[in-house]
C-alpha atoms as a PDB file:
ATOM      1  CA  MET A   1      72.184  17.385 -59.612  1.00  0.00           C
ATOM      2  CA  SER A   2      70.938  15.169 -62.433  1.00  0.00           C
ATOM      3  CA  ALA A   3      67.291  15.595 -63.410  1.00  0.00           C
ATOM      4  CA  ASP A   4      66.901  11.816 -63.023  1.00  0.00           C
ATOM      5  CA  ILE A   5      67.884  11.834 -59.337  1.00  0.00           C
ATOM      6  CA  PRO A   6      65.295  13.398 -57.011  1.00  0.00           C
ATOM      7  CA  ALA A   7      66.483  15.690 -54.252  1.00  0.00           C
ATOM      8  CA  PRO A   8      66.228  14.304 -50.708  1.00  0.00           C
ATOM      9  CA  GLU A   9      62.746  14.838 -49.281  1.00  0.00           C
ATOM     10  CA  SER A  10      64.109  16.832 -46.354  1.00  0.00           C
ATOM     11  CA  ALA A  11      65.441  19.442 -48.754  1.00  0.00           C
ATOM     12  CA  SER A  12      61.941  20.365 -49.880  1.00  0.00           C
ATOM     13  CA  ARG A  13      60.231  20.312 -46.506  1.00  0.00           C
ATOM     14  CA  ASP A  14      59.345  23.426 -44.600  1.00  0.00           C
ATOM     15  CA  LEU A  15      59.294  23.744 -40.819  1.00  0.00           C
ATOM     16  CA  ARG A  16      56.652  26.222 -39.648  1.00  0.00           C
ATOM     17  CA  VAL A  17      56.929  27.592 -36.115  1.00  0.00           C
ATOM     18  CA  LEU A  18      53.855  29.264 -34.592  1.00  0.00           C
ATOM     19  CA  SER A  19      53.132  30.924 -31.277  1.00  0.00           C
ATOM     20  CA  ILE A  20      49.446  30.668 -30.344  1.00  0.00           C
ATOM     21  CA  PRO A  21      47.881  34.155 -30.091  1.00  0.00           C
ATOM     22  CA  GLU A  22      45.588  35.043 -27.203  1.00  0.00           C
ATOM     23  CA  GLY A  23      42.544  34.951 -29.456  1.00  0.00           C
ATOM     24  CA  LEU A  24      42.957  31.191 -30.050  1.00  0.00           C
ATOM     25  CA  ASP A  25      43.414  30.215 -26.400  1.00  0.00           C
ATOM     26  CA  GLN A  26      41.638  26.876 -25.697  1.00  0.00           C
ATOM     27  CA  GLU A  27      40.948  26.234 -29.388  1.00  0.00           C
ATOM     28  CA  ARG A  28      41.435  22.684 -30.685  1.00  0.00           C
ATOM     29  CA  ILE A  29      44.931  22.416 -32.099  1.00  0.00           C
ATOM     30  CA  ASP A  30      43.815  21.224 -35.543  1.00  0.00           C
ATOM     31  CA  ALA A  31      41.396  24.156 -35.855  1.00  0.00           C
ATOM     32  CA  ALA A  32      43.978  26.653 -34.582  1.00  0.00           C
ATOM     33  CA  ILE A  33      46.655  25.574 -37.054  1.00  0.00           C
ATOM     34  CA  ALA A  34      44.183  25.490 -39.956  1.00  0.00           C
ATOM     35  CA  ARG A  35      43.097  29.035 -39.138  1.00  0.00           C
ATOM     36  CA  LEU A  36      46.615  30.421 -38.728  1.00  0.00           C
ATOM     37  CA  LEU A  37      48.130  28.813 -41.831  1.00  0.00           C
ATOM     38  CA  GLY A  38      45.122  28.823 -44.175  1.00  0.00           C
ATOM     39  CA  LEU A  39      45.223  25.033 -44.521  1.00  0.00           C
ATOM     40  CA  SER A  40      42.251  22.697 -44.688  1.00  0.00           C
ATOM     41  CA  ARG A  41      41.303  21.004 -41.416  1.00  0.00           C
ATOM     42  CA  SER A  42      41.816  17.573 -43.013  1.00  0.00           C
ATOM     43  CA  THR A  43      45.375  18.456 -44.064  1.00  0.00           C
ATOM     44  CA  VAL A  44      46.226  19.460 -40.492  1.00  0.00           C
ATOM     45  CA  VAL A  45      44.633  16.304 -39.075  1.00  0.00           C
ATOM     46  CA  ASP A  46      46.748  14.186 -41.432  1.00  0.00           C
ATOM     47  CA  LEU A  47      49.923  16.009 -40.345  1.00  0.00           C
ATOM     48  CA  ILE A  48      49.071  15.480 -36.675  1.00  0.00           C
ATOM     49  CA  ALA A  49      48.345  11.779 -37.274  1.00  0.00           C
ATOM     50  CA  ALA A  50      51.735  11.430 -38.998  1.00  0.00           C
ATOM     51  CA  GLY A  51      53.511  12.901 -35.962  1.00  0.00           C
ATOM     52  CA  GLU A  52      54.566  16.026 -37.872  1.00  0.00           C
ATOM     53  CA  VAL A  53      53.122  18.466 -35.320  1.00  0.00           C
ATOM     54  CA  THR A  54      54.463  19.184 -31.850  1.00  0.00           C
ATOM     55  CA  ARG A  55      53.287  21.484 -29.088  1.00  0.00           C
ATOM     56  CA  ASN A  56      56.030  22.749 -26.792  1.00  0.00           C
ATOM     57  CA  GLY A  57      58.265  19.949 -28.093  1.00  0.00           C
ATOM     58  CA  LYS A  58      55.787  17.081 -27.636  1.00  0.00           C
ATOM     59  CA  VAL A  59      53.739  15.182 -30.230  1.00  0.00           C
ATOM     60  CA  ILE A  60      50.031  15.803 -29.682  1.00  0.00           C
ATOM     61  CA  ALA A  61      46.566  14.524 -30.602  1.00  0.00           C
ATOM     62  CA  LYS A  62      44.202  16.444 -32.889  1.00  0.00           C
ATOM     63  CA  SER A  63      41.642  16.965 -30.103  1.00  0.00           C
ATOM     64  CA  GLU A  64      44.053  18.653 -27.691  1.00  0.00           C
ATOM     65  CA  LYS A  65      43.496  22.305 -26.947  1.00  0.00           C
ATOM     66  CA  VAL A  66      46.119  24.997 -27.195  1.00  0.00           C
ATOM     67  CA  ALA A  67      46.937  27.781 -24.769  1.00  0.00           C
ATOM     68  CA  THR A  68      48.184  31.309 -25.370  1.00  0.00           C
ATOM     69  CA  ALA A  69      51.922  31.380 -26.232  1.00  0.00           C
ATOM     70  CA  ASP A  70      52.138  27.612 -26.885  1.00  0.00           C
ATOM     71  CA  LEU A  71      54.959  26.927 -29.345  1.00  0.00           C
ATOM     72  CA  ILE A  72      53.712  24.837 -32.268  1.00  0.00           C
ATOM     73  CA  GLU A  73      56.060  23.278 -34.819  1.00  0.00           C
ATOM     74  CA  ILE A  74      54.707  21.784 -38.061  1.00  0.00           C
ATOM     75  CA  LEU A  75      56.845  19.925 -40.591  1.00  0.00           C
ATOM     76  CA  MET A  76      55.021  20.586 -43.824  1.00  0.00           C
ATOM     77  CA  PRO A  77      54.713  17.914 -46.556  1.00  0.00           C
ATOM     78  CA  ALA A  78      57.403  17.661 -49.210  1.00  0.00           C
ATOM     79  CA  ALA A  79      56.774  20.080 -52.038  1.00  0.00           C
ATOM     80  CA  LYS A  80      55.227  18.518 -55.136  1.00  0.00           C
ATOM     81  CA  GLY A  81      56.321  21.259 -57.489  1.00  0.00           C
ATOM     82  CA  PRO A  82      54.789  24.675 -58.068  1.00  0.00           C
ATOM     83  CA  ALA A  83      51.192  25.431 -57.204  1.00  0.00           C
ATOM     84  CA  THR A  84      48.858  24.351 -59.995  1.00  0.00           C
ATOM     85  CA  LEU A  85      46.223  26.556 -61.586  1.00  0.00           C
ATOM     86  CA  VAL A  86      42.881  24.722 -61.573  1.00  0.00           C
ATOM     87  CA  ALA A  87      39.638  26.105 -62.978  1.00  0.00           C
ATOM     88  CA  THR A  88      37.266  26.001 -59.996  1.00  0.00           C
ATOM     89  CA  PRO A  89      33.790  27.557 -60.197  1.00  0.00           C
ATOM     90  CA  VAL A  90      32.732  29.956 -57.441  1.00  0.00           C
ATOM     91  CA  ASP A  91      28.980  30.223 -56.892  1.00  0.00           C
ATOM     92  CA  GLY A  92      27.704  33.667 -57.692  1.00  0.00           C
ATOM     93  CA  LEU A  93      30.987  35.078 -58.999  1.00  0.00           C
ATOM     94  CA  ASP A  94      30.267  38.812 -58.848  1.00  0.00           C
ATOM     95  CA  VAL A  95      31.612  40.435 -62.013  1.00  0.00           C
ATOM     96  CA  VAL A  96      31.464  44.222 -61.597  1.00  0.00           C
ATOM     97  CA  TYR A  97      33.023  45.136 -64.957  1.00  0.00           C
ATOM     98  CA  ASN A  98      34.191  43.190 -67.975  1.00  0.00           C
ATOM     99  CA  ASP A  99      35.558  44.044 -71.411  1.00  0.00           C
ATOM    100  CA  ASP A 100      38.149  42.626 -73.801  1.00  0.00           C
ATOM    101  CA  HIS A 101      41.057  43.785 -71.619  1.00  0.00           C
ATOM    102  CA  ILE A 102      40.176  43.646 -67.928  1.00  0.00           C
ATOM    103  CA  ILE A 103      37.705  42.134 -65.499  1.00  0.00           C
ATOM    104  CA  VAL A 104      36.794  43.601 -62.101  1.00  0.00           C
ATOM    105  CA  ILE A 105      35.234  41.322 -59.505  1.00  0.00           C
ATOM    106  CA  ASN A 106      33.872  41.531 -55.988  1.00  0.00           C
ATOM    107  CA  LYS A 107      35.955  38.863 -54.239  1.00  0.00           C
ATOM    108  CA  PRO A 108      34.060  36.857 -51.613  1.00  0.00           C
ATOM    109  CA  VAL A 109      35.605  35.739 -48.335  1.00  0.00           C
ATOM    110  CA  GLY A 110      37.292  32.341 -48.410  1.00  0.00           C
ATOM    111  CA  VAL A 111      38.655  32.708 -51.942  1.00  0.00           C
ATOM    112  CA  ALA A 112      42.393  33.217 -52.507  1.00  0.00           C
ATOM    113  CA  ALA A 113      43.701  35.457 -55.289  1.00  0.00           C
ATOM    114  CA  HIS A 114      45.683  32.588 -56.852  1.00  0.00           C
ATOM    115  CA  PRO A 115      46.944  29.085 -55.984  1.00  0.00           C
ATOM    116  CA  SER A 116      49.776  28.695 -53.478  1.00  0.00           C
ATOM    117  CA  PRO A 117      51.403  25.696 -51.777  1.00  0.00           C
ATOM    118  CA  GLY A 118      49.069  24.208 -49.191  1.00  0.00           C
ATOM    119  CA  TRP A 119      45.976  26.157 -50.293  1.00  0.00           C
ATOM    120  CA  GLN A 120      43.185  23.762 -51.307  1.00  0.00           C
ATOM    121  CA  GLY A 121      40.301  26.169 -51.702  1.00  0.00           C
ATOM    122  CA  ALA A 122      38.898  28.286 -54.511  1.00  0.00           C
ATOM    123  CA  THR A 123      40.893  31.052 -56.205  1.00  0.00           C
ATOM    124  CA  VAL A 124      39.966  34.211 -58.089  1.00  0.00           C
ATOM    125  CA  ILE A 125      41.931  33.220 -61.163  1.00  0.00           C
ATOM    126  CA  GLY A 126      40.501  29.685 -61.147  1.00  0.00           C
ATOM    127  CA  ALA A 127      36.954  31.033 -60.808  1.00  0.00           C
ATOM    128  CA  ILE A 128      37.423  33.504 -63.668  1.00  0.00           C
ATOM    129  CA  ILE A 129      38.741  30.792 -65.991  1.00  0.00           C
ATOM    130  CA  ALA A 130      35.973  28.387 -64.947  1.00  0.00           C
ATOM    131  CA  ALA A 131      33.423  31.078 -65.822  1.00  0.00           C
ATOM    132  CA  GLY A 132      34.801  31.189 -69.371  1.00  0.00           C
ATOM    133  CA  TYR A 133      36.796  34.417 -69.288  1.00  0.00           C
ATOM    134  CA  ASN A 134      40.256  34.782 -70.807  1.00  0.00           C
ATOM    135  CA  VAL A 135      43.165  36.041 -68.694  1.00  0.00           C
ATOM    136  CA  SER A 136      46.647  37.315 -69.458  1.00  0.00           C
ATOM    137  CA  THR A 137      49.389  34.703 -69.630  1.00  0.00           C
ATOM    138  CA  SER A 138      51.891  37.111 -68.062  1.00  0.00           C
ATOM    139  CA  GLY A 139      53.269  36.367 -64.621  1.00  0.00           C
ATOM    140  CA  ALA A 140      53.817  33.005 -62.984  1.00  0.00           C
ATOM    141  CA  ALA A 141      51.717  30.180 -64.439  1.00  0.00           C
ATOM    142  CA  GLU A 142      49.541  29.861 -61.330  1.00  0.00           C
ATOM    143  CA  ARG A 143      48.783  33.610 -61.064  1.00  0.00           C
ATOM    144  CA  GLN A 144      48.159  34.639 -64.660  1.00  0.00           C
ATOM    145  CA  GLY A 145      46.550  38.063 -64.933  1.00  0.00           C
ATOM    146  CA  ILE A 146      46.795  38.813 -61.211  1.00  0.00           C
ATOM    147  CA  VAL A 147      48.174  42.335 -60.733  1.00  0.00           C
ATOM    148  CA  HIS A 148      47.273  42.741 -57.046  1.00  0.00           C
ATOM    149  CA  ARG A 149      45.937  40.535 -54.282  1.00  0.00           C
ATOM    150  CA  LEU A 150      43.501  40.467 -51.387  1.00  0.00           C
ATOM    151  CA  ASP A 151      43.903  38.110 -48.431  1.00  0.00           C
ATOM    152  CA  VAL A 152      41.674  35.012 -48.316  1.00  0.00           C
ATOM    153  CA  GLY A 153      39.750  36.599 -45.436  1.00  0.00           C
ATOM    154  CA  THR A 154      39.301  39.979 -47.139  1.00  0.00           C
ATOM    155  CA  SER A 155      36.298  40.754 -49.324  1.00  0.00           C
ATOM    156  CA  GLY A 156      35.942  43.374 -52.027  1.00  0.00           C
ATOM    157  CA  LEU A 157      37.214  44.703 -55.341  1.00  0.00           C
ATOM    158  CA  MET A 158      39.971  43.201 -57.489  1.00  0.00           C
ATOM    159  CA  VAL A 159      40.989  43.871 -61.094  1.00  0.00           C
ATOM    160  CA  VAL A 160      42.472  41.112 -63.280  1.00  0.00           C
ATOM    161  CA  ALA A 161      44.198  41.616 -66.657  1.00  0.00           C
ATOM    162  CA  LYS A 162      42.935  39.713 -69.705  1.00  0.00           C
ATOM    163  CA  ASP A 163      45.805  40.480 -72.110  1.00  0.00           C
ATOM    164  CA  GLU A 164      49.535  41.128 -71.914  1.00  0.00           C
ATOM    165  CA  LYS A 165      49.447  44.868 -72.580  1.00  0.00           C
ATOM    166  CA  SER A 166      46.820  45.403 -69.896  1.00  0.00           C
ATOM    167  CA  TYR A 167      48.818  43.295 -67.424  1.00  0.00           C
ATOM    168  CA  SER A 168      51.964  45.352 -67.984  1.00  0.00           C
ATOM    169  CA  ASN A 169      50.130  48.668 -67.772  1.00  0.00           C
ATOM    170  CA  LEU A 170      48.234  47.781 -64.598  1.00  0.00           C
ATOM    171  CA  LYS A 171      51.402  46.498 -62.918  1.00  0.00           C
ATOM    172  CA  ASP A 172      53.005  49.847 -63.718  1.00  0.00           C
ATOM    173  CA  GLN A 173      50.032  51.722 -62.249  1.00  0.00           C
ATOM    174  CA  PHE A 174      50.290  49.777 -59.003  1.00  0.00           C
ATOM    175  CA  ARG A 175      54.071  50.176 -58.926  1.00  0.00           C
ATOM    176  CA  GLU A 176      53.798  53.931 -59.483  1.00  0.00           C
ATOM    177  CA  ARG A 177      51.072  54.168 -56.796  1.00  0.00           C
ATOM    178  CA  THR A 178      48.528  55.800 -59.091  1.00  0.00           C
ATOM    179  CA  VAL A 179      45.830  53.215 -58.270  1.00  0.00           C
ATOM    180  CA  HIS A 180      43.442  54.543 -55.607  1.00  0.00           C
ATOM    181  CA  LYS A 181      42.447  51.833 -53.102  1.00  0.00           C
ATOM    182  CA  VAL A 182      40.025  52.471 -50.252  1.00  0.00           C
ATOM    183  CA  TYR A 183      39.248  49.902 -47.567  1.00  0.00           C
ATOM    184  CA  HIS A 184      36.809  49.876 -44.679  1.00  0.00           C
ATOM    185  CA  ALA A 185      37.917  48.139 -41.495  1.00  0.00           C
ATOM    186  CA  MET A 186      36.524  47.665 -37.999  1.00  0.00           C
ATOM    187  CA  VAL A 187      39.208  47.971 -35.352  1.00  0.00           C
ATOM    188  CA  GLN A 188      39.125  47.421 -31.619  1.00  0.00           C
ATOM    189  CA  GLY A 189      39.002  50.584 -29.527  1.00  0.00           C
ATOM    190  CA  HIS A 190      39.181  54.194 -30.719  1.00  0.00           C
ATOM    191  CA  MET A 191      42.064  55.696 -32.664  1.00  0.00           C
ATOM    192  CA  ASP A 192      43.823  58.717 -31.191  1.00  0.00           C
ATOM    193  CA  PRO A 193      44.010  60.847 -33.241  1.00  0.00           C
ATOM    194  CA  SER A 194      40.815  59.933 -35.066  1.00  0.00           C
ATOM    195  CA  SER A 195      42.542  60.419 -38.425  1.00  0.00           C
ATOM    196  CA  GLY A 196      46.173  60.201 -39.404  1.00  0.00           C
ATOM    197  CA  THR A 197      48.954  58.360 -41.178  1.00  0.00           C
ATOM    198  CA  ILE A 198      50.845  55.260 -40.092  1.00  0.00           C
ATOM    199  CA  ASP A 199      54.368  55.222 -41.523  1.00  0.00           C
ATOM    200  CA  ALA A 200      56.055  52.062 -40.253  1.00  0.00           C
ATOM    201  CA  PRO A 201      58.188  49.533 -42.223  1.00  0.00           C
ATOM    202  CA  ILE A 202      56.890  45.973 -42.601  1.00  0.00           C
ATOM    203  CA  ASP A 203      58.541  42.628 -43.284  1.00  0.00           C
ATOM    204  CA  ARG A 204      58.302  38.989 -42.247  1.00  0.00           C
ATOM    205  CA  HIS A 205      57.938  38.422 -38.528  1.00  0.00           C
ATOM    206  CA  PRO A 206      61.420  37.561 -37.176  1.00  0.00           C
ATOM    207  CA  ARG A 207      60.224  34.313 -35.565  1.00  0.00           C
ATOM    208  CA  GLU A 208      56.842  33.409 -37.069  1.00  0.00           C
ATOM    209  CA  ASP A 209      57.057  33.332 -40.856  1.00  0.00           C
ATOM    210  CA  TYR A 210      53.301  33.044 -41.406  1.00  0.00           C
ATOM    211  CA  ARG A 211      52.929  36.569 -40.010  1.00  0.00           C
ATOM    212  CA  PHE A 212      54.325  39.990 -40.837  1.00  0.00           C
ATOM    213  CA  ALA A 213      55.448  42.687 -38.417  1.00  0.00           C
ATOM    214  CA  VAL A 214      56.676  46.250 -38.091  1.00  0.00           C
ATOM    215  CA  VAL A 215      60.466  45.903 -38.147  1.00  0.00           C
ATOM    216  CA  ALA A 216      63.195  48.549 -38.334  1.00  0.00           C
ATOM    217  CA  ASP A 217      64.709  47.275 -41.594  1.00  0.00           C
ATOM    218  CA  GLY A 218      61.407  46.384 -43.270  1.00  0.00           C
ATOM    219  CA  LYS A 219      59.937  47.734 -46.509  1.00  0.00           C
ATOM    220  CA  PRO A 220      58.471  51.255 -46.428  1.00  0.00           C
ATOM    221  CA  SER A 221      54.746  50.993 -45.632  1.00  0.00           C
ATOM    222  CA  ILE A 222      52.296  53.895 -45.389  1.00  0.00           C
ATOM    223  CA  THR A 223      48.630  53.722 -44.359  1.00  0.00           C
ATOM    224  CA  HIS A 224      46.194  56.673 -44.101  1.00  0.00           C
ATOM    225  CA  TYR A 225      43.039  56.343 -41.984  1.00  0.00           C
ATOM    226  CA  THR A 226      39.945  58.289 -40.912  1.00  0.00           C
ATOM    227  CA  ALA A 227      37.373  57.231 -38.321  1.00  0.00           C
ATOM    228  CA  LEU A 228      33.910  57.028 -39.872  1.00  0.00           C
ATOM    229  CA  GLU A 229      31.883  55.871 -36.876  1.00  0.00           C
ATOM    230  CA  LEU A 230      32.575  55.129 -33.222  1.00  0.00           C
ATOM    231  CA  PHE A 231      30.896  52.421 -31.182  1.00  0.00           C
ATOM    232  CA  PRO A 232      31.486  51.615 -27.484  1.00  0.00           C
ATOM    233  CA  ALA A 233      34.343  49.136 -28.055  1.00  0.00           C
ATOM    234  CA  VAL A 234      35.184  49.398 -31.763  1.00  0.00           C
ATOM    235  CA  SER A 235      35.625  51.920 -34.592  1.00  0.00           C
ATOM    236  CA  LEU A 236      34.740  51.816 -38.263  1.00  0.00           C
ATOM    237  CA  LEU A 237      37.624  53.264 -40.290  1.00  0.00           C
ATOM    238  CA  GLU A 238      38.152  54.322 -43.880  1.00  0.00           C
ATOM    239  CA  ILE A 239      41.665  53.427 -44.983  1.00  0.00           C
ATOM    240  CA  GLU A 240      43.744  54.403 -48.003  1.00  0.00           C
ATOM    241  CA  LEU A 241      46.941  52.549 -48.825  1.00  0.00           C
ATOM    242  CA  GLU A 242      49.899  54.441 -50.194  1.00  0.00           C
ATOM    243  CA  THR A 243      51.896  51.200 -50.357  1.00  0.00           C
ATOM    244  CA  GLY A 244      50.635  47.636 -50.714  1.00  0.00           C
ATOM    245  CA  ARG A 245      52.570  45.312 -48.418  1.00  0.00           C
ATOM    246  CA  THR A 246      51.243  41.882 -47.494  1.00  0.00           C
ATOM    247  CA  HIS A 247      48.899  42.178 -44.467  1.00  0.00           C
ATOM    248  CA  GLN A 248      49.723  45.913 -44.309  1.00  0.00           C
ATOM    249  CA  ILE A 249      46.437  47.107 -42.768  1.00  0.00           C
ATOM    250  CA  ARG A 250      46.308  44.217 -40.331  1.00  0.00           C
ATOM    251  CA  VAL A 251      49.913  44.684 -39.213  1.00  0.00           C
ATOM    252  CA  HIS A 252      49.786  48.468 -38.858  1.00  0.00           C
ATOM    253  CA  PHE A 253      46.696  48.586 -36.672  1.00  0.00           C
ATOM    254  CA  SER A 254      47.806  45.621 -34.596  1.00  0.00           C
ATOM    255  CA  ALA A 255      51.104  47.409 -33.951  1.00  0.00           C
ATOM    256  CA  LEU A 256      49.102  50.353 -32.543  1.00  0.00           C
ATOM    257  CA  HIS A 257      47.141  47.956 -30.288  1.00  0.00           C
ATOM    258  CA  HIS A 258      43.974  48.385 -32.350  1.00  0.00           C
ATOM    259  CA  PRO A 259      43.776  45.054 -34.225  1.00  0.00           C
ATOM    260  CA  LEU A 260      41.023  44.451 -36.737  1.00  0.00           C
ATOM    261  CA  VAL A 261      37.944  42.849 -35.231  1.00  0.00           C
ATOM    262  CA  GLY A 262      38.127  39.100 -35.904  1.00  0.00           C
ATOM    263  CA  ASP A 263      41.832  39.102 -36.778  1.00  0.00           C
ATOM    264  CA  LEU A 264      43.000  36.533 -34.242  1.00  0.00           C
ATOM    265  CA  THR A 265      46.329  36.103 -36.029  1.00  0.00           C
ATOM    266  CA  TYR A 266      47.213  39.676 -35.117  1.00  0.00           C
ATOM    267  CA  GLY A 267      45.925  39.788 -31.571  1.00  0.00           C
ATOM    268  CA  ALA A 268      42.193  40.510 -31.797  1.00  0.00           C
ATOM    269  CA  ASP A 269      39.920  39.626 -28.857  1.00  0.00           C
ATOM    270  CA  HIS A 270      37.793  36.667 -29.917  1.00  0.00           C
ATOM    271  CA  THR A 271      34.971  37.683 -27.532  1.00  0.00           C
ATOM    272  CA  ILE A 272      34.352  40.874 -29.534  1.00  0.00           C
ATOM    273  CA  ALA A 273      34.330  38.934 -32.806  1.00  0.00           C
ATOM    274  CA  ASP A 274      31.976  36.336 -31.331  1.00  0.00           C
ATOM    275  CA  ARG A 275      29.598  39.032 -30.133  1.00  0.00           C
ATOM    276  CA  LEU A 276      29.533  40.564 -33.611  1.00  0.00           C
ATOM    277  CA  GLU A 277      29.329  37.160 -35.328  1.00  0.00           C
ATOM    278  CA  ILE A 278      32.512  37.837 -37.302  1.00  0.00           C
ATOM    279  CA  HIS A 279      34.691  34.864 -38.233  1.00  0.00           C
ATOM    280  CA  ARG A 280      37.405  36.633 -40.238  1.00  0.00           C
ATOM    281  CA  PRO A 281      39.201  39.994 -40.155  1.00  0.00           C
ATOM    282  CA  TRP A 282      36.663  42.815 -40.557  1.00  0.00           C
ATOM    283  CA  LEU A 283      38.177  44.217 -43.743  1.00  0.00           C
ATOM    284  CA  HIS A 284      36.592  45.107 -47.083  1.00  0.00           C
ATOM    285  CA  ALA A 285      38.104  46.566 -50.272  1.00  0.00           C
ATOM    286  CA  ARG A 286      35.460  49.272 -50.708  1.00  0.00           C
ATOM    287  CA  GLU A 287      36.639  51.425 -53.630  1.00  0.00           C
ATOM    288  CA  LEU A 288      39.014  50.935 -56.552  1.00  0.00           C
ATOM    289  CA  LYS A 289      40.036  53.682 -58.974  1.00  0.00           C
ATOM    290  CA  PHE A 290      42.508  53.334 -61.845  1.00  0.00           C
ATOM    291  CA  THR A 291      43.048  54.249 -65.486  1.00  0.00           C
ATOM    292  CA  HIS A 292      41.857  51.776 -68.095  1.00  0.00           C
ATOM    293  CA  PRO A 293      45.099  50.229 -69.422  1.00  0.00           C
ATOM    294  CA  ILE A 294      44.068  50.502 -73.082  1.00  0.00           C
ATOM    295  CA  THR A 295      41.540  53.331 -73.466  1.00  0.00           C
ATOM    296  CA  GLY A 296      42.969  55.646 -70.804  1.00  0.00           C
ATOM    297  CA  GLU A 297      39.489  56.142 -69.318  1.00  0.00           C
ATOM    298  CA  ALA A 298      39.304  56.887 -65.585  1.00  0.00           C
ATOM    299  CA  LEU A 299      37.450  53.981 -63.946  1.00  0.00           C
ATOM    300  CA  GLU A 300      35.920  53.980 -60.476  1.00  0.00           C
ATOM    301  CA  PHE A 301      34.213  51.078 -58.717  1.00  0.00           C
ATOM    302  CA  PHE A 302      32.380  50.817 -55.391  1.00  0.00           C
ATOM    303  CA  SER A 303      31.496  47.678 -53.419  1.00  0.00           C
ATOM    304  CA  GLU A 304      28.717  47.188 -50.860  1.00  0.00           C
ATOM    305  CA  TYR A 305      29.473  45.303 -47.660  1.00  0.00           C
ATOM    306  CA  PRO A 306      28.870  41.534 -47.796  1.00  0.00           C
ATOM    307  CA  ALA A 307      26.306  39.920 -45.510  1.00  0.00           C
ATOM    308  CA  ASP A 308      28.596  39.174 -42.550  1.00  0.00           C
ATOM    309  CA  LEU A 309      29.851  42.758 -42.269  1.00  0.00           C
ATOM    310  CA  THR A 310      26.347  44.189 -42.695  1.00  0.00           C
ATOM    311  CA  ARG A 311      25.114  41.880 -39.951  1.00  0.00           C
ATOM    312  CA  SER A 312      27.862  42.968 -37.557  1.00  0.00           C
ATOM    313  CA  LEU A 313      27.016  46.640 -38.144  1.00  0.00           C
ATOM    314  CA  ALA A 314      23.350  45.940 -37.440  1.00  0.00           C
ATOM    315  CA  ILE A 315      24.345  44.294 -34.144  1.00  0.00           C
ATOM    316  CA  LEU A 316      26.432  47.323 -33.172  1.00  0.00           C
ATOM    317  CA  GLU A 317      23.676  49.774 -34.057  1.00  0.00           C
ATOM    318  CA  LYS A 318      21.137  47.776 -32.073  1.00  0.00           C
ATOM    319  CA  GLN A 319      23.453  47.723 -29.066  1.00  0.00           C
ATOM    320  CA  ALA A 320      23.959  51.469 -29.352  1.00  0.00           C
ATOM    321  CA  GLN A 321      20.186  52.027 -29.202  1.00  0.00           C
ATOM    322  CA  ASN A 322      19.788  50.042 -25.997  1.00  0.00           C
END
């Protein structure tokens, strides 16, 4: 096709099909879609107003409420080209370590690792550039320096490369599984056994492409866990990843019927999250260990819980005392 003749709009549009999880039952449809797809509420409202959203085959209003298992179809806007890297400051960007080659940050909730189609919020890479730090130019233009990612709703430690040699070396370390990553997660119920390994392949959900699932022909995925503390309805776990699939922790524990507290996308009970005042998956990248890509020094970093997770633990401890 000639560069002077644009492709038909329909060729660049994406139909998203969602099934409403139990945790979003009776939520307003605009809020439910925004939460499930990581879109801004205003973007969803505009799509609904344009007639691009249907519920069970019928066009709906933004104020309508959804029910468990409703089938939602969203025709996304035509693509406007690749995601664009924009320098966007993040208040209180927590830099844990910084030198000429790498930067380690404590990622706050609500910040994506890098730009992606449809995401309108802050990004780690945009915040680092806005703060005046250099990053590697390796990788796709919108994710320069990013060697691993955390979900928007996950807090904790991330390392970003500042030069090409460091980028290549860190990518190799992640690929060879020599990077030590420890997460803390709060799951519903109590694991049996209290420590163990989950070895179950993961890939895109066969019907809902915004989610992932355990599937027979998926990519090998291995998660190790140990229970740190038990509460009446939930457990605090320490988790080590042997592989790093998208949503791996969330998918593995959901598949065992112990979803992360607050993870409505993967079947969590919203009443537990509400009681603990948690509005995102209870998941924190607690420790990060790797070899400095240039000096060869063994580096180890540790991250305290952010305010929302600390608050939820205080609520649980208070309940346990009563």
